[in-house]
Amino acid sequence: MSNPAIYSLTPITFRLDLKDPFIFTAHHIDHFPEGNSQLGPNTPAEQKEFSMYYGDIVPGFPEHPHTGFETITLVEQGTVDHFDSLGNGGRYGAGDVQWLSTGSGVEHCEMFPLLHEHQPNPFELFQIWFNSSPAQKKAPPDYKMFWREDIPHVYETDDSGLTADVRVISGQFKDTAAISRPPNSWAAPSENRVNIYLITLPPHAALTVPATTARSNRFGYFYQGSTLSIEDQQIQRKYLAELKPDSDIRLQAGYSEARILWMEGEPIGEDVAMRGPFVMNTVQELDDAFRRYRATRFGEWPWSNPAPVFDRKQPRFASYDGGKREEYPEEPEKNAV
């Protein structure tokens, strides 16, 4: 690679393979049609550009277990219904982020209800699989909603008067800090410098991302736009760049708006043993985790079926403490997804 700021460039179709403390990121894009009365597609999947994933009626991922890592789900378009074995549930939509620490083990489901009956239901989300330290893998599971109304934005104007928008999901961008992460997260302490941004550049706009530490791993995924210049090297859409962490990095959009998912953080520095939805440090720990799951199911599934969804008119919300406490991003009657 001739550019010293760019360590590697990888074309992406779906999965972004990353480095410690990140595991990988999945980028889901689906062109769902109008929804039917059951919140599923009114057209067979084979006739459209979408996947049902593991759902039969509603697309999504029915009841399944996780342990030993975190899922950070950034929704750009569409709706997600969440249910878990702790008795919590919630609905979140475009612009919202869910941060789930799976810790010692949890079952959950993520379904993608198609709320619009008379128009298409475009869908796009990123799900970042983010590792946990050995101590955090033993902690109780926990999750937190970052509502779009609360996520901080930084607006940076370049020398041409064009303004970039940086959504600060984790960590800090210059003087602007993100919402606090769940406490048992490698991303919670500021010294781990886990910065996750969603960057939007208007056509031809430029933005400089400040340096982090030499130990950090740093990635930029250019997922929407015509072209993007990284330190004067032009790259194409749907490329993942591994970048020099301890240098300022200048980005500039091409002739159309550019969007970039930016991820960087200090490594945990532990061995990773991964088998399906379980991420531990050794094979023995994986075997123990699977035995524990077979014995306990990480708690009884409290819902009537493995792929529940809420009513079409349910506003965005989250429940905590086994469903005893509810949180809404705004007044429910005003809260349309």
C-alpha atoms as a PDB file:
ATOM      1  CA  MET A   1       0.000   0.000   0.000  1.00  0.00           C
ATOM      2  CA  SER A   2       1.696   3.188  -1.199  1.00  0.00           C
ATOM      3  CA  ASN A   3      -0.196   5.509   1.151  1.00  0.00           C
ATOM      4  CA  PRO A   4       1.337   5.288   4.659  1.00  0.00           C
ATOM      5  CA  ALA A   5      -2.002   6.287   6.244  1.00  0.00           C
ATOM      6  CA  ILE A   6      -3.819   3.297   4.716  1.00  0.00           C
ATOM      7  CA  TYR A   7      -2.680  -0.138   5.905  1.00  0.00           C
ATOM      8  CA  SER A   8      -5.150  -2.127   3.780  1.00  0.00           C
ATOM      9  CA  LEU A   9      -8.257  -1.829   1.598  1.00  0.00           C
ATOM     10  CA  THR A  10     -10.852  -4.629   1.483  1.00  0.00           C
ATOM     11  CA  PRO A  11     -13.972  -4.813  -0.749  1.00  0.00           C
ATOM     12  CA  ILE A  12     -17.095  -5.564   1.305  1.00  0.00           C
ATOM     13  CA  THR A  13     -20.302  -7.349   0.370  1.00  0.00           C
ATOM     14  CA  PHE A  14     -21.752  -8.021   3.824  1.00  0.00           C
ATOM     15  CA  ARG A  15     -19.245  -8.729   6.624  1.00  0.00           C
ATOM     16  CA  LEU A  16     -16.423  -6.469   7.771  1.00  0.00           C
ATOM     17  CA  ASP A  17     -13.665  -8.499   9.463  1.00  0.00           C
ATOM     18  CA  LEU A  18     -11.983  -6.291  12.066  1.00  0.00           C
ATOM     19  CA  LYS A  19      -9.339  -6.365  14.812  1.00  0.00           C
ATOM     20  CA  ASP A  20      -9.318  -6.253  18.622  1.00  0.00           C
ATOM     21  CA  PRO A  21     -11.423  -4.943  20.400  1.00  0.00           C
ATOM     22  CA  PHE A  22     -13.808  -5.322  17.438  1.00  0.00           C
ATOM     23  CA  ILE A  23     -14.674  -8.776  16.112  1.00  0.00           C
ATOM     24  CA  PHE A  24     -16.639  -8.051  12.934  1.00  0.00           C
ATOM     25  CA  THR A  25     -19.460  -5.895  11.631  1.00  0.00           C
ATOM     26  CA  ALA A  26     -22.420  -7.030   9.518  1.00  0.00           C
ATOM     27  CA  HIS A  27     -23.995  -4.529   7.121  1.00  0.00           C
ATOM     28  CA  HIS A  28     -27.594  -5.476   6.349  1.00  0.00           C
ATOM     29  CA  ILE A  29     -29.379  -3.773   3.425  1.00  0.00           C
ATOM     30  CA  ASP A  30     -32.800  -5.050   2.349  1.00  0.00           C
ATOM     31  CA  HIS A  31     -35.421  -3.669  -0.016  1.00  0.00           C
ATOM     32  CA  PHE A  32     -38.483  -4.957   1.801  1.00  0.00           C
ATOM     33  CA  PRO A  33     -41.844  -4.460   0.047  1.00  0.00           C
ATOM     34  CA  GLU A  34     -45.126  -3.325   1.570  1.00  0.00           C
ATOM     35  CA  GLY A  35     -46.012  -5.142   4.766  1.00  0.00           C
ATOM     36  CA  ASN A  36     -48.945  -7.505   5.194  1.00  0.00           C
ATOM     37  CA  SER A  37     -51.333  -7.822   8.150  1.00  0.00           C
ATOM     38  CA  GLN A  38     -48.780  -9.942  10.047  1.00  0.00           C
ATOM     39  CA  LEU A  39     -45.965  -7.369   9.576  1.00  0.00           C
ATOM     40  CA  GLY A  40     -44.216  -9.603   7.073  1.00  0.00           C
ATOM     41  CA  PRO A  41     -43.613  -9.022   3.344  1.00  0.00           C
ATOM     42  CA  ASN A  42     -46.577  -9.350   1.007  1.00  0.00           C
ATOM     43  CA  THR A  43     -44.290 -10.781  -1.697  1.00  0.00           C
ATOM     44  CA  PRO A  44     -42.288 -14.030  -1.587  1.00  0.00           C
ATOM     45  CA  ALA A  45     -38.638 -13.451  -0.716  1.00  0.00           C
ATOM     46  CA  GLU A  46     -37.365 -15.051  -3.910  1.00  0.00           C
ATOM     47  CA  GLN A  47     -39.076 -12.310  -5.962  1.00  0.00           C
ATOM     48  CA  LYS A  48     -37.420  -9.362  -4.197  1.00  0.00           C
ATOM     49  CA  GLU A  49     -34.041  -8.096  -3.028  1.00  0.00           C
ATOM     50  CA  PHE A  50     -34.446  -9.043   0.596  1.00  0.00           C
ATOM     51  CA  SER A  51     -33.791 -11.843   3.043  1.00  0.00           C
ATOM     52  CA  MET A  52     -36.105 -13.329   5.648  1.00  0.00           C
ATOM     53  CA  TYR A  53     -32.951 -14.312   7.597  1.00  0.00           C
ATOM     54  CA  TYR A  54     -34.274 -16.923  10.070  1.00  0.00           C
ATOM     55  CA  GLY A  55     -37.822 -15.535  10.281  1.00  0.00           C
ATOM     56  CA  ASP A  56     -40.808 -17.410   8.859  1.00  0.00           C
ATOM     57  CA  ILE A  57     -43.468 -14.676   8.932  1.00  0.00           C
ATOM     58  CA  VAL A  58     -41.534 -11.536   9.893  1.00  0.00           C
ATOM     59  CA  PRO A  59     -37.916 -11.192   8.768  1.00  0.00           C
ATOM     60  CA  GLY A  60     -35.265 -11.273  11.446  1.00  0.00           C
ATOM     61  CA  PHE A  61     -33.480 -13.463  13.962  1.00  0.00           C
ATOM     62  CA  PRO A  62     -35.770 -15.414  16.342  1.00  0.00           C
ATOM     63  CA  GLU A  63     -34.691 -16.506  19.833  1.00  0.00           C
ATOM     64  CA  HIS A  64     -30.947 -17.269  19.982  1.00  0.00           C
ATOM     65  CA  PRO A  65     -28.192 -17.141  22.644  1.00  0.00           C
ATOM     66  CA  HIS A  66     -25.077 -14.986  23.060  1.00  0.00           C
ATOM     67  CA  THR A  67     -22.324 -14.807  25.627  1.00  0.00           C
ATOM     68  CA  GLY A  68     -18.939 -13.149  26.064  1.00  0.00           C
ATOM     69  CA  PHE A  69     -19.198 -10.079  23.819  1.00  0.00           C
ATOM     70  CA  GLU A  70     -21.394  -7.115  22.895  1.00  0.00           C
ATOM     71  CA  THR A  71     -23.644  -6.293  19.964  1.00  0.00           C
ATOM     72  CA  ILE A  72     -23.897  -2.660  18.935  1.00  0.00           C
ATOM     73  CA  THR A  73     -26.806  -2.263  16.516  1.00  0.00           C
ATOM     74  CA  LEU A  74     -26.986   0.967  14.509  1.00  0.00           C
ATOM     75  CA  VAL A  75     -30.254   1.287  12.578  1.00  0.00           C
ATOM     76  CA  GLU A  76     -30.155   3.558   9.532  1.00  0.00           C
ATOM     77  CA  GLN A  77     -33.533   2.586   8.026  1.00  0.00           C
ATOM     78  CA  GLY A  78     -36.384   0.400   9.232  1.00  0.00           C
ATOM     79  CA  THR A  79     -37.511  -0.972  12.594  1.00  0.00           C
ATOM     80  CA  VAL A  80     -36.231  -3.598  15.047  1.00  0.00           C
ATOM     81  CA  ASP A  81     -38.289  -5.341  17.753  1.00  0.00           C
ATOM     82  CA  HIS A  82     -36.190  -6.677  20.649  1.00  0.00           C
ATOM     83  CA  PHE A  83     -37.156  -9.349  23.210  1.00  0.00           C
ATOM     84  CA  ASP A  84     -34.822 -11.125  25.641  1.00  0.00           C
ATOM     85  CA  SER A  85     -34.687 -13.821  28.293  1.00  0.00           C
ATOM     86  CA  LEU A  86     -34.446 -11.175  31.029  1.00  0.00           C
ATOM     87  CA  GLY A  87     -38.070 -10.214  30.288  1.00  0.00           C
ATOM     88  CA  ASN A  88     -37.164  -6.974  28.510  1.00  0.00           C
ATOM     89  CA  GLY A  89     -38.470  -5.803  25.172  1.00  0.00           C
ATOM     90  CA  GLY A  90     -38.446  -2.749  22.975  1.00  0.00           C
ATOM     91  CA  ARG A  91     -38.854  -1.217  19.553  1.00  0.00           C
ATOM     92  CA  TYR A  92     -36.289   1.035  17.950  1.00  0.00           C
ATOM     93  CA  GLY A  93     -36.006   2.589  14.530  1.00  0.00           C
ATOM     94  CA  ALA A  94     -33.968   4.588  12.057  1.00  0.00           C
ATOM     95  CA  GLY A  95     -31.276   6.606  13.823  1.00  0.00           C
ATOM     96  CA  ASP A  96     -31.461   4.659  17.110  1.00  0.00           C
ATOM     97  CA  VAL A  97     -28.673   2.470  18.517  1.00  0.00           C
ATOM     98  CA  GLN A  98     -28.960  -0.522  20.850  1.00  0.00           C
ATOM     99  CA  TRP A  99     -25.908  -1.524  22.910  1.00  0.00           C
ATOM    100  CA  LEU A 100     -26.225  -5.048  24.341  1.00  0.00           C
ATOM    101  CA  SER A 101     -23.613  -6.523  26.695  1.00  0.00           C
ATOM    102  CA  THR A 102     -24.225 -10.273  26.623  1.00  0.00           C
ATOM    103  CA  GLY A 103     -21.831 -10.962  29.525  1.00  0.00           C
ATOM    104  CA  SER A 104     -22.410 -14.342  31.165  1.00  0.00           C
ATOM    105  CA  GLY A 105     -25.225 -15.181  28.759  1.00  0.00           C
ATOM    106  CA  VAL A 106     -28.588 -14.039  27.408  1.00  0.00           C
ATOM    107  CA  GLU A 107     -31.106 -15.139  24.801  1.00  0.00           C
ATOM    108  CA  HIS A 108     -32.756 -12.522  22.632  1.00  0.00           C
ATOM    109  CA  CYS A 109     -34.523 -12.073  19.338  1.00  0.00           C
ATOM    110  CA  GLU A 110     -34.256  -9.301  16.776  1.00  0.00           C
ATOM    111  CA  MET A 111     -37.197  -9.082  14.387  1.00  0.00           C
ATOM    112  CA  PHE A 112     -37.680  -6.560  11.566  1.00  0.00           C
ATOM    113  CA  PRO A 113     -41.430  -5.789  11.349  1.00  0.00           C
ATOM    114  CA  LEU A 114     -42.630  -4.161   8.146  1.00  0.00           C
ATOM    115  CA  LEU A 115     -44.811  -1.378   9.512  1.00  0.00           C
ATOM    116  CA  HIS A 116     -45.854   0.281   6.248  1.00  0.00           C
ATOM    117  CA  GLU A 117     -48.707  -1.466   4.408  1.00  0.00           C
ATOM    118  CA  HIS A 118     -48.951   0.874   1.421  1.00  0.00           C
ATOM    119  CA  GLN A 119     -45.323   1.668   0.664  1.00  0.00           C
ATOM    120  CA  PRO A 120     -41.979  -0.169   0.647  1.00  0.00           C
ATOM    121  CA  ASN A 121     -40.087  -0.764   3.897  1.00  0.00           C
ATOM    122  CA  PRO A 122     -36.392  -0.104   3.138  1.00  0.00           C
ATOM    123  CA  PHE A 123     -34.081  -1.528   5.772  1.00  0.00           C
ATOM    124  CA  GLU A 124     -30.451  -0.892   6.674  1.00  0.00           C
ATOM    125  CA  LEU A 125     -28.467  -1.554   9.822  1.00  0.00           C
ATOM    126  CA  PHE A 126     -24.981  -2.224  11.059  1.00  0.00           C
ATOM    127  CA  GLN A 127     -24.349  -4.701  13.826  1.00  0.00           C
ATOM    128  CA  ILE A 128     -20.912  -4.474  15.392  1.00  0.00           C
ATOM    129  CA  TRP A 129     -19.710  -7.513  17.341  1.00  0.00           C
ATOM    130  CA  PHE A 130     -17.462  -6.023  20.005  1.00  0.00           C
ATOM    131  CA  ASN A 131     -15.342  -8.126  22.346  1.00  0.00           C
ATOM    132  CA  SER A 132     -15.387  -8.127  26.164  1.00  0.00           C
ATOM    133  CA  SER A 133     -12.540  -8.520  28.624  1.00  0.00           C
ATOM    134  CA  PRO A 134     -12.293 -11.796  30.601  1.00  0.00           C
ATOM    135  CA  ALA A 135     -13.942 -10.163  33.644  1.00  0.00           C
ATOM    136  CA  GLN A 136     -16.728  -8.632  31.517  1.00  0.00           C
ATOM    137  CA  LYS A 137     -17.519 -12.036  30.005  1.00  0.00           C
ATOM    138  CA  LYS A 138     -18.597 -13.136  33.510  1.00  0.00           C
ATOM    139  CA  ALA A 139     -20.722 -10.047  34.277  1.00  0.00           C
ATOM    140  CA  PRO A 140     -24.554 -10.041  34.162  1.00  0.00           C
ATOM    141  CA  PRO A 141     -26.017  -9.179  30.745  1.00  0.00           C
ATOM    142  CA  ASP A 142     -27.257  -5.639  30.242  1.00  0.00           C
ATOM    143  CA  TYR A 143     -28.430  -3.342  27.463  1.00  0.00           C
ATOM    144  CA  LYS A 144     -29.016   0.326  26.825  1.00  0.00           C
ATOM    145  CA  MET A 145     -30.855   2.292  24.159  1.00  0.00           C
ATOM    146  CA  PHE A 146     -29.283   5.345  22.543  1.00  0.00           C
ATOM    147  CA  TRP A 147     -32.270   7.185  21.095  1.00  0.00           C
ATOM    148  CA  ARG A 148     -31.626   9.210  17.945  1.00  0.00           C
ATOM    149  CA  GLU A 149     -32.866  12.344  19.721  1.00  0.00           C
ATOM    150  CA  ASP A 150     -30.076  11.993  22.303  1.00  0.00           C
ATOM    151  CA  ILE A 151     -27.086  10.932  20.193  1.00  0.00           C
ATOM    152  CA  PRO A 152     -24.683  13.898  19.956  1.00  0.00           C
ATOM    153  CA  HIS A 153     -23.758  15.343  16.580  1.00  0.00           C
ATOM    154  CA  VAL A 154     -20.655  17.372  15.782  1.00  0.00           C
ATOM    155  CA  TYR A 155     -20.908  19.736  12.812  1.00  0.00           C
ATOM    156  CA  GLU A 156     -17.525  20.645  11.308  1.00  0.00           C
ATOM    157  CA  THR A 157     -17.258  23.287   8.556  1.00  0.00           C
ATOM    158  CA  ASP A 158     -14.283  23.037   6.193  1.00  0.00           C
ATOM    159  CA  ASP A 159     -12.380  25.798   4.404  1.00  0.00           C
ATOM    160  CA  SER A 160     -14.922  25.763   1.565  1.00  0.00           C
ATOM    161  CA  GLY A 161     -17.854  26.362   3.908  1.00  0.00           C
ATOM    162  CA  LEU A 162     -19.156  22.792   3.614  1.00  0.00           C
ATOM    163  CA  THR A 163     -20.343  21.145   6.842  1.00  0.00           C
ATOM    164  CA  ALA A 164     -19.733  17.524   7.848  1.00  0.00           C
ATOM    165  CA  ASP A 165     -21.984  15.720  10.356  1.00  0.00           C
ATOM    166  CA  VAL A 166     -20.346  13.348  12.859  1.00  0.00           C
ATOM    167  CA  ARG A 167     -22.719  11.240  14.976  1.00  0.00           C
ATOM    168  CA  VAL A 168     -20.780  10.253  18.085  1.00  0.00           C
ATOM    169  CA  ILE A 169     -21.952   6.748  19.018  1.00  0.00           C
ATOM    170  CA  SER A 170     -19.088   5.884  21.378  1.00  0.00           C
ATOM    171  CA  GLY A 171     -16.137   7.695  22.901  1.00  0.00           C
ATOM    172  CA  GLN A 172     -15.461  11.264  21.937  1.00  0.00           C
ATOM    173  CA  PHE A 173     -14.963  13.433  18.865  1.00  0.00           C
ATOM    174  CA  LYS A 174     -12.795  16.396  19.848  1.00  0.00           C
ATOM    175  CA  ASP A 175     -14.664  17.981  22.776  1.00  0.00           C
ATOM    176  CA  THR A 176     -17.975  16.142  22.286  1.00  0.00           C
ATOM    177  CA  ALA A 177     -18.544  12.951  24.306  1.00  0.00           C
ATOM    178  CA  ALA A 178     -20.986  10.172  23.466  1.00  0.00           C
ATOM    179  CA  ILE A 179     -23.758   8.818  25.678  1.00  0.00           C
ATOM    180  CA  SER A 180     -22.254   6.637  28.399  1.00  0.00           C
ATOM    181  CA  ARG A 181     -21.938   2.976  27.487  1.00  0.00           C
ATOM    182  CA  PRO A 182     -23.196   0.094  29.658  1.00  0.00           C
ATOM    183  CA  PRO A 183     -20.884  -0.164  32.685  1.00  0.00           C
ATOM    184  CA  ASN A 184     -19.541  -3.666  31.946  1.00  0.00           C
ATOM    185  CA  SER A 185     -18.196  -2.676  28.527  1.00  0.00           C
ATOM    186  CA  TRP A 186     -14.611  -2.330  27.334  1.00  0.00           C
ATOM    187  CA  ALA A 187     -15.869   0.870  25.684  1.00  0.00           C
ATOM    188  CA  ALA A 188     -17.046   2.436  28.966  1.00  0.00           C
ATOM    189  CA  PRO A 189     -13.667   3.669  30.351  1.00  0.00           C
ATOM    190  CA  SER A 190     -12.378   6.694  28.432  1.00  0.00           C
ATOM    191  CA  GLU A 191      -8.810   5.350  28.505  1.00  0.00           C
ATOM    192  CA  ASN A 192      -9.813   2.557  26.109  1.00  0.00           C
ATOM    193  CA  ARG A 193     -10.580   5.201  23.475  1.00  0.00           C
ATOM    194  CA  VAL A 194     -13.336   3.240  21.761  1.00  0.00           C
ATOM    195  CA  ASN A 195     -14.615   5.773  19.239  1.00  0.00           C
ATOM    196  CA  ILE A 196     -17.462   4.888  16.909  1.00  0.00           C
ATOM    197  CA  TYR A 197     -18.769   7.553  14.536  1.00  0.00           C
ATOM    198  CA  LEU A 198     -21.244   7.721  11.671  1.00  0.00           C
ATOM    199  CA  ILE A 199     -19.854  10.409   9.392  1.00  0.00           C
ATOM    200  CA  THR A 200     -21.835  12.178   6.657  1.00  0.00           C
ATOM    201  CA  LEU A 201     -19.972  14.415   4.208  1.00  0.00           C
ATOM    202  CA  PRO A 202     -21.858  16.606   1.711  1.00  0.00           C
ATOM    203  CA  PRO A 203     -20.493  16.527  -1.861  1.00  0.00           C
ATOM    204  CA  HIS A 204     -16.835  17.668  -1.932  1.00  0.00           C
ATOM    205  CA  ALA A 205     -16.807  18.361   1.852  1.00  0.00           C
ATOM    206  CA  ALA A 206     -13.659  17.580   3.855  1.00  0.00           C
ATOM    207  CA  LEU A 207     -13.201  16.444   7.459  1.00  0.00           C
ATOM    208  CA  THR A 208     -10.106  15.638   9.512  1.00  0.00           C
ATOM    209  CA  VAL A 209     -10.459  12.886  12.125  1.00  0.00           C
ATOM    210  CA  PRO A 210      -7.999  13.412  15.001  1.00  0.00           C
ATOM    211  CA  ALA A 211      -5.275  10.893  15.779  1.00  0.00           C
ATOM    212  CA  THR A 212      -5.673   8.332  18.520  1.00  0.00           C
ATOM    213  CA  THR A 213      -2.919   6.176  20.070  1.00  0.00           C
ATOM    214  CA  ALA A 214      -0.396   4.022  18.216  1.00  0.00           C
ATOM    215  CA  ARG A 215      -1.760   0.882  19.981  1.00  0.00           C
ATOM    216  CA  SER A 216      -5.318   1.374  18.730  1.00  0.00           C
ATOM    217  CA  ASN A 217      -6.884  -0.435  15.807  1.00  0.00           C
ATOM    218  CA  ARG A 218      -8.693   1.901  13.409  1.00  0.00           C
ATOM    219  CA  PHE A 219     -11.096   1.297  10.522  1.00  0.00           C
ATOM    220  CA  GLY A 220     -13.209   3.388   8.164  1.00  0.00           C
ATOM    221  CA  TYR A 221     -15.953   1.767   6.073  1.00  0.00           C
ATOM    222  CA  PHE A 222     -17.114   3.890   3.110  1.00  0.00           C
ATOM    223  CA  TYR A 223     -20.616   2.562   2.541  1.00  0.00           C
ATOM    224  CA  GLN A 224     -22.482   5.237   0.591  1.00  0.00           C
ATOM    225  CA  GLY A 225     -21.445   7.755  -2.051  1.00  0.00           C
ATOM    226  CA  SER A 226     -19.510   8.005  -5.305  1.00  0.00           C
ATOM    227  CA  THR A 227     -15.898   8.175  -4.187  1.00  0.00           C
ATOM    228  CA  LEU A 228     -14.017   9.093  -1.021  1.00  0.00           C
ATOM    229  CA  SER A 229     -10.528  10.531  -0.692  1.00  0.00           C
ATOM    230  CA  ILE A 230      -8.506   9.328   2.313  1.00  0.00           C
ATOM    231  CA  GLU A 231      -5.310  11.346   2.677  1.00  0.00           C
ATOM    232  CA  ASP A 232      -5.519  12.134  -1.069  1.00  0.00           C
ATOM    233  CA  GLN A 233      -6.015   8.495  -2.093  1.00  0.00           C
ATOM    234  CA  GLN A 234      -9.347   7.881  -3.784  1.00  0.00           C
ATOM    235  CA  ILE A 235     -11.293   4.770  -2.793  1.00  0.00           C
ATOM    236  CA  GLN A 236     -14.541   3.323  -4.069  1.00  0.00           C
ATOM    237  CA  ARG A 237     -17.805   2.728  -2.255  1.00  0.00           C
ATOM    238  CA  LYS A 238     -18.106  -0.427  -0.136  1.00  0.00           C
ATOM    239  CA  TYR A 239     -14.447  -0.599   0.798  1.00  0.00           C
ATOM    240  CA  LEU A 240     -13.095  -1.055   4.311  1.00  0.00           C
ATOM    241  CA  ALA A 241      -9.868   0.799   5.073  1.00  0.00           C
ATOM    242  CA  GLU A 242      -7.576  -0.136   7.945  1.00  0.00           C
ATOM    243  CA  LEU A 243      -5.910   3.136   8.890  1.00  0.00           C
ATOM    244  CA  LYS A 244      -2.879   4.454  10.733  1.00  0.00           C
ATOM    245  CA  PRO A 245      -4.191   5.246  14.224  1.00  0.00           C
ATOM    246  CA  ASP A 246      -1.701   7.837  15.502  1.00  0.00           C
ATOM    247  CA  SER A 247      -2.111  10.320  12.627  1.00  0.00           C
ATOM    248  CA  ASP A 248      -4.820  12.791  11.764  1.00  0.00           C
ATOM    249  CA  ILE A 249      -6.778  11.429   8.776  1.00  0.00           C
ATOM    250  CA  ARG A 250      -8.284  13.779   6.197  1.00  0.00           C
ATOM    251  CA  LEU A 251     -11.432  12.600   4.396  1.00  0.00           C
ATOM    252  CA  GLN A 252     -13.063  14.287   1.409  1.00  0.00           C
ATOM    253  CA  ALA A 253     -16.242  13.306  -0.428  1.00  0.00           C
ATOM    254  CA  GLY A 254     -16.529  13.049  -4.189  1.00  0.00           C
ATOM    255  CA  TYR A 255     -19.364  14.499  -6.270  1.00  0.00           C
ATOM    256  CA  SER A 256     -22.092  12.981  -4.070  1.00  0.00           C
ATOM    257  CA  GLU A 257     -22.745  12.707  -0.340  1.00  0.00           C
ATOM    258  CA  ALA A 258     -20.406  10.234   1.388  1.00  0.00           C
ATOM    259  CA  ARG A 259     -21.177   8.167   4.482  1.00  0.00           C
ATOM    260  CA  ILE A 260     -18.550   6.405   6.568  1.00  0.00           C
ATOM    261  CA  LEU A 261     -18.728   4.098   9.585  1.00  0.00           C
ATOM    262  CA  TRP A 262     -15.632   4.860  11.699  1.00  0.00           C
ATOM    263  CA  MET A 263     -14.378   2.477  14.416  1.00  0.00           C
ATOM    264  CA  GLU A 264     -11.235   2.667  16.558  1.00  0.00           C
ATOM    265  CA  GLY A 265     -10.191   1.446  19.988  1.00  0.00           C
ATOM    266  CA  GLU A 266      -7.473   0.158  22.265  1.00  0.00           C
ATOM    267  CA  PRO A 267      -7.118  -3.646  22.018  1.00  0.00           C
ATOM    268  CA  ILE A 268      -8.107  -5.905  24.908  1.00  0.00           C
ATOM    269  CA  GLY A 269      -5.074  -8.050  24.178  1.00  0.00           C
ATOM    270  CA  GLU A 270      -6.550 -11.462  25.067  1.00  0.00           C
ATOM    271  CA  ASP A 271      -6.872 -14.628  22.993  1.00  0.00           C
ATOM    272  CA  VAL A 272     -10.215 -15.031  21.200  1.00  0.00           C
ATOM    273  CA  ALA A 273     -12.030 -18.368  20.941  1.00  0.00           C
ATOM    274  CA  MET A 274     -15.270 -18.070  18.979  1.00  0.00           C
ATOM    275  CA  ARG A 275     -17.902 -20.641  18.090  1.00  0.00           C
ATOM    276  CA  GLY A 276     -21.100 -19.318  16.561  1.00  0.00           C
ATOM    277  CA  PRO A 277     -22.687 -16.778  18.925  1.00  0.00           C
ATOM    278  CA  PHE A 278     -20.277 -17.450  21.821  1.00  0.00           C
ATOM    279  CA  VAL A 279     -16.977 -15.575  22.205  1.00  0.00           C
ATOM    280  CA  MET A 280     -14.574 -16.630  24.962  1.00  0.00           C
ATOM    281  CA  ASN A 281     -10.804 -16.720  25.493  1.00  0.00           C
ATOM    282  CA  THR A 282     -10.118 -20.473  25.291  1.00  0.00           C
ATOM    283  CA  VAL A 283     -11.663 -23.569  23.754  1.00  0.00           C
ATOM    284  CA  GLN A 284     -12.238 -24.944  27.248  1.00  0.00           C
ATOM    285  CA  GLU A 285     -14.222 -21.820  28.158  1.00  0.00           C
ATOM    286  CA  LEU A 286     -16.288 -22.274  24.998  1.00  0.00           C
ATOM    287  CA  ASP A 287     -17.048 -25.883  25.914  1.00  0.00           C
ATOM    288  CA  ASP A 288     -18.022 -24.775  29.433  1.00  0.00           C
ATOM    289  CA  ALA A 289     -20.269 -22.012  28.060  1.00  0.00           C
ATOM    290  CA  PHE A 290     -22.119 -24.424  25.775  1.00  0.00           C
ATOM    291  CA  ARG A 291     -22.628 -26.877  28.655  1.00  0.00           C
ATOM    292  CA  ARG A 292     -23.967 -24.048  30.796  1.00  0.00           C
ATOM    293  CA  TYR A 293     -26.315 -22.947  28.032  1.00  0.00           C
ATOM    294  CA  ARG A 294     -27.686 -26.471  27.527  1.00  0.00           C
ATOM    295  CA  ALA A 295     -28.318 -26.718  31.268  1.00  0.00           C
ATOM    296  CA  THR A 296     -29.824 -23.268  31.882  1.00  0.00           C
ATOM    297  CA  ARG A 297     -30.823 -21.803  28.491  1.00  0.00           C
ATOM    298  CA  PHE A 298     -29.475 -18.564  30.053  1.00  0.00           C
ATOM    299  CA  GLY A 299     -32.875 -18.225  31.738  1.00  0.00           C
ATOM    300  CA  GLU A 300     -36.335 -19.330  30.662  1.00  0.00           C
ATOM    301  CA  TRP A 301     -37.684 -17.664  27.518  1.00  0.00           C
ATOM    302  CA  PRO A 302     -40.648 -15.652  28.882  1.00  0.00           C
ATOM    303  CA  TRP A 303     -42.371 -14.913  25.548  1.00  0.00           C
ATOM    304  CA  SER A 304     -45.147 -16.860  23.827  1.00  0.00           C
ATOM    305  CA  ASN A 305     -43.078 -17.787  20.766  1.00  0.00           C
ATOM    306  CA  PRO A 306     -39.464 -17.540  19.593  1.00  0.00           C
ATOM    307  CA  ALA A 307     -40.155 -14.671  17.151  1.00  0.00           C
ATOM    308  CA  PRO A 308     -42.565 -12.209  18.784  1.00  0.00           C
ATOM    309  CA  VAL A 309     -43.250  -8.712  17.446  1.00  0.00           C
ATOM    310  CA  PHE A 310     -45.193  -5.754  18.768  1.00  0.00           C
ATOM    311  CA  ASP A 311     -48.382  -4.312  17.316  1.00  0.00           C
ATOM    312  CA  ARG A 312     -47.997  -2.133  14.228  1.00  0.00           C
ATOM    313  CA  LYS A 313     -48.894   1.012  16.199  1.00  0.00           C
ATOM    314  CA  GLN A 314     -46.441   0.415  19.047  1.00  0.00           C
ATOM    315  CA  PRO A 315     -44.185   3.480  19.406  1.00  0.00           C
ATOM    316  CA  ARG A 316     -40.450   3.252  20.007  1.00  0.00           C
ATOM    317  CA  PHE A 317     -39.653   2.265  23.595  1.00  0.00           C
ATOM    318  CA  ALA A 318     -37.442   0.060  25.750  1.00  0.00           C
ATOM    319  CA  SER A 319     -38.195  -1.900  28.911  1.00  0.00           C
ATOM    320  CA  TYR A 320     -35.667  -2.729  31.610  1.00  0.00           C
ATOM    321  CA  ASP A 321     -35.514  -4.595  34.944  1.00  0.00           C
ATOM    322  CA  GLY A 322     -37.433  -7.565  33.593  1.00  0.00           C
ATOM    323  CA  GLY A 323     -40.048  -5.343  31.982  1.00  0.00           C
ATOM    324  CA  LYS A 324     -40.795  -3.393  35.185  1.00  0.00           C
ATOM    325  CA  ARG A 325     -39.505  -0.070  33.856  1.00  0.00           C
ATOM    326  CA  GLU A 326     -40.284   1.487  30.496  1.00  0.00           C
ATOM    327  CA  GLU A 327     -38.460   4.263  28.679  1.00  0.00           C
ATOM    328  CA  TYR A 328     -39.689   6.300  25.726  1.00  0.00           C
ATOM    329  CA  PRO A 329     -37.581   8.723  23.706  1.00  0.00           C
ATOM    330  CA  GLU A 330     -40.470  11.198  23.790  1.00  0.00           C
ATOM    331  CA  GLU A 331     -44.197  11.273  24.589  1.00  0.00           C
ATOM    332  CA  PRO A 332     -45.657   8.006  23.207  1.00  0.00           C
ATOM    333  CA  GLU A 333     -48.507   9.669  21.361  1.00  0.00           C
ATOM    334  CA  LYS A 334     -45.974  11.714  19.377  1.00  0.00           C
ATOM    335  CA  ASN A 335     -43.509   8.904  18.860  1.00  0.00           C
ATOM    336  CA  ALA A 336     -43.953   7.479  15.377  1.00  0.00           C
ATOM    337  CA  VAL A 337     -41.224   5.245  13.950  1.00  0.00           C
END
